[in-house]
Amino acid sequence: MRNVMVAAAVVSTLVTAQTARAQQSGPADVGAGRIAWFDIATSNLTQSREFYGKLFDWTFTPAKGSDQAVNIVAGGAEIGNLRVADGKISPFNGLVYVQVTDIQASCKKAKDLGGLVVPGFPANLPSGTGAIAIVADPAGTPIGLYSRTRVQK
């Protein structure tokens, strides 16, 4: 349960990072069950950009609306986000987003399987490119969900 609370504590930062990188086209359609996006948190954006750039040959583009985040580019496509951590770095400051077909159905299924949907989710991305959610498994480990379809309210 503590892990879930940690996940909930970073929710606003994750939504800010997702909002900052949201583009008209959104992440690539990788198919349900595959990793669509990821966030890496850092206490030193400049140092981490240099490290990951050299390690993986990544380049970076400015994240819209934030001077605390950059988009990670590999092979000409934005694949993730490198952002300044909100407070102390913990194992839950980074998050992987798995693409799902129906985010509301996936959130319901997570609950039915004994998991938890972090309060405030699912949420539509402000760019109109889909929706995200953060769920925690029964052990409290968080994971992100991404759907190219917006939440129908």
Protein backbone atom coordinates (compact mmCIF):
# COMPACT_ATOMS: atom_id res chain seq x y z
CA MET A 1 0.00 0.00 0.00
CA ARG A 2 2.95 2.33 0.71
CA ASN A 3 4.08 1.94 -2.91
CA VAL A 4 0.63 2.99 -4.07
CA MET A 5 0.83 6.12 -1.94
CA VAL A 6 4.26 6.89 -3.41
CA ALA A 7 2.76 6.44 -6.87
CA ALA A 8 -0.10 8.75 -6.00
CA ALA A 9 2.38 11.35 -4.75
CA VAL A 10 4.07 11.53 -8.16
CA VAL A 11 0.82 11.61 -10.13
CA SER A 12 0.75 15.37 -10.58
CA THR A 13 4.36 15.35 -11.77
CA LEU A 14 3.67 12.55 -14.22
CA VAL A 15 0.62 14.31 -15.61
CA THR A 16 2.71 17.48 -15.96
CA ALA A 17 5.37 15.52 -17.85
CA GLN A 18 2.76 13.89 -20.07
CA THR A 19 1.13 17.27 -20.69
CA ALA A 20 4.49 18.87 -21.47
CA ARG A 21 5.32 16.29 -24.13
CA ALA A 22 1.86 15.89 -25.60
CA GLN A 23 1.97 16.46 -29.35
CA GLN A 24 -0.79 16.48 -31.96
CA SER A 25 0.27 13.05 -33.24
CA GLY A 26 0.83 11.46 -29.82
CA PRO A 27 3.03 8.43 -29.23
CA ALA A 28 3.39 5.91 -32.02
CA ASP A 29 0.70 3.24 -32.24
CA VAL A 30 2.76 0.29 -31.00
CA GLY A 31 -0.22 -2.02 -30.38
CA ALA A 32 -1.94 -3.14 -27.21
CA GLY A 33 0.29 -4.73 -24.60
CA ARG A 34 3.47 -3.01 -25.80
CA ILE A 35 5.39 -0.17 -24.21
CA ALA A 36 4.20 3.09 -25.77
CA TRP A 37 6.07 5.69 -23.69
CA PHE A 38 8.26 6.02 -20.61
CA ASP A 39 9.41 8.70 -18.19
CA ILE A 40 12.86 8.91 -16.62
CA ALA A 41 13.22 11.19 -13.60
CA THR A 42 16.50 12.87 -12.76
CA SER A 43 17.88 15.36 -10.27
CA ASN A 44 20.16 16.87 -12.97
CA LEU A 45 18.59 17.25 -16.41
CA THR A 46 21.78 18.46 -18.13
CA GLN A 47 23.91 15.61 -16.78
CA SER A 48 21.31 12.97 -17.61
CA ARG A 49 20.82 14.30 -21.15
CA GLU A 50 24.55 13.97 -21.76
CA PHE A 51 24.70 10.47 -20.22
CA TYR A 52 21.71 8.99 -22.09
CA GLY A 53 22.58 10.80 -25.30
CA LYS A 54 26.02 9.21 -25.35
CA LEU A 55 24.88 5.82 -24.04
CA PHE A 56 21.99 5.27 -26.45
CA ASP A 57 22.62 7.89 -29.17
CA TRP A 58 19.40 9.60 -28.12
CA THR A 59 18.69 13.21 -29.03
CA PHE A 60 16.29 15.51 -27.25
CA THR A 61 13.63 18.03 -28.16
CA PRO A 62 12.11 20.64 -25.87
CA ALA A 63 8.98 19.52 -24.06
CA LYS A 64 6.16 21.94 -24.78
CA GLY A 65 5.27 24.05 -21.77
CA SER A 66 8.14 22.92 -19.53
CA ASP A 67 11.74 23.91 -18.96
CA GLN A 68 12.01 20.96 -16.57
CA ALA A 69 11.57 18.21 -19.18
CA VAL A 70 12.76 17.15 -22.63
CA ASN A 71 11.41 14.55 -25.03
CA ILE A 72 13.68 11.61 -25.85
CA VAL A 73 14.14 10.98 -29.58
CA ALA A 74 15.42 7.70 -31.05
CA GLY A 75 15.32 6.83 -34.72
CA GLY A 76 13.52 10.09 -35.47
CA ALA A 77 10.59 9.32 -33.12
CA GLU A 78 9.80 10.64 -29.67
CA ILE A 79 9.83 7.62 -27.36
CA GLY A 80 9.83 9.04 -23.85
CA ASN A 81 10.41 11.91 -21.50
CA LEU A 82 13.40 12.90 -19.34
CA ARG A 83 12.24 15.18 -16.54
CA VAL A 84 13.42 16.78 -13.33
CA ALA A 85 12.19 14.77 -10.36
CA ASP A 86 9.70 16.29 -7.97
CA GLY A 87 11.69 15.81 -4.77
CA LYS A 88 13.90 12.85 -3.89
CA ILE A 89 14.57 10.20 -6.56
CA SER A 90 12.87 6.92 -5.69
CA PRO A 91 12.20 3.68 -7.59
CA PHE A 92 8.81 5.14 -8.50
CA ASN A 93 10.01 8.38 -10.11
CA GLY A 94 10.12 6.73 -13.54
CA LEU A 95 7.18 5.04 -15.16
CA VAL A 96 6.53 2.82 -18.16
CA TYR A 97 3.27 3.30 -20.10
CA VAL A 98 1.81 0.20 -21.75
CA GLN A 99 -0.61 0.79 -24.62
CA VAL A 100 -4.14 -0.55 -24.15
CA THR A 101 -7.12 -0.57 -26.50
CA ASP A 102 -9.72 0.63 -23.98
CA ILE A 103 -8.33 2.48 -20.98
CA GLN A 104 -11.59 2.41 -19.00
CA ALA A 105 -11.94 -1.36 -19.49
CA SER A 106 -8.29 -1.87 -18.55
CA CYS A 107 -8.72 0.17 -15.35
CA LYS A 108 -11.79 -1.90 -14.44
CA LYS A 109 -9.88 -5.10 -15.14
CA ALA A 110 -6.97 -3.92 -12.96
CA LYS A 111 -9.40 -3.35 -10.08
CA ASP A 112 -11.08 -6.73 -10.66
CA LEU A 113 -7.66 -8.38 -10.45
CA GLY A 114 -6.96 -6.82 -7.04
CA GLY A 115 -5.08 -3.76 -8.24
CA LEU A 116 -5.77 -0.10 -7.64
CA VAL A 117 -6.38 2.76 -10.04
CA VAL A 118 -4.60 5.83 -8.68
CA PRO A 119 -7.15 8.56 -7.87
CA GLY A 120 -7.64 11.05 -10.68
CA PHE A 121 -7.22 8.48 -13.43
CA PRO A 122 -7.93 7.70 -16.19
CA ALA A 123 -7.40 11.19 -17.59
CA ASN A 124 -7.49 12.57 -21.10
CA LEU A 125 -4.31 14.11 -22.44
CA PRO A 126 -4.93 17.80 -23.09
CA SER A 127 -3.58 17.52 -26.63
CA GLY A 128 -6.44 15.21 -27.61
CA THR A 129 -4.04 12.37 -28.44
CA GLY A 130 -5.52 9.86 -26.01
CA ALA A 131 -5.68 9.13 -22.30
CA ILE A 132 -3.43 7.85 -19.53
CA ALA A 133 -3.93 6.08 -16.21
CA ILE A 134 -1.69 4.88 -13.43
CA VAL A 135 -2.60 1.60 -11.80
CA ALA A 136 -0.88 -0.40 -9.09
CA ASP A 137 -0.69 -4.17 -9.00
CA PRO A 138 -1.76 -6.06 -5.84
CA ALA A 139 1.80 -5.67 -4.47
CA GLY A 140 1.56 -1.88 -4.92
CA THR A 141 3.87 -1.50 -7.92
CA PRO A 142 2.68 1.27 -10.26
CA ILE A 143 2.52 1.11 -14.05
CA GLY A 144 1.13 3.54 -16.59
CA LEU A 145 -1.55 2.79 -19.17
CA TYR A 146 -1.87 4.72 -22.43
CA SER A 147 -4.74 4.60 -24.89
CA ARG A 148 -4.89 6.41 -28.20
CA THR A 149 -8.63 6.85 -27.51
CA ARG A 150 -9.86 9.48 -25.10
CA VAL A 151 -11.96 8.66 -22.03
CA GLN A 152 -15.67 8.97 -22.76
CA LYS A 153 -17.35 10.77 -19.90
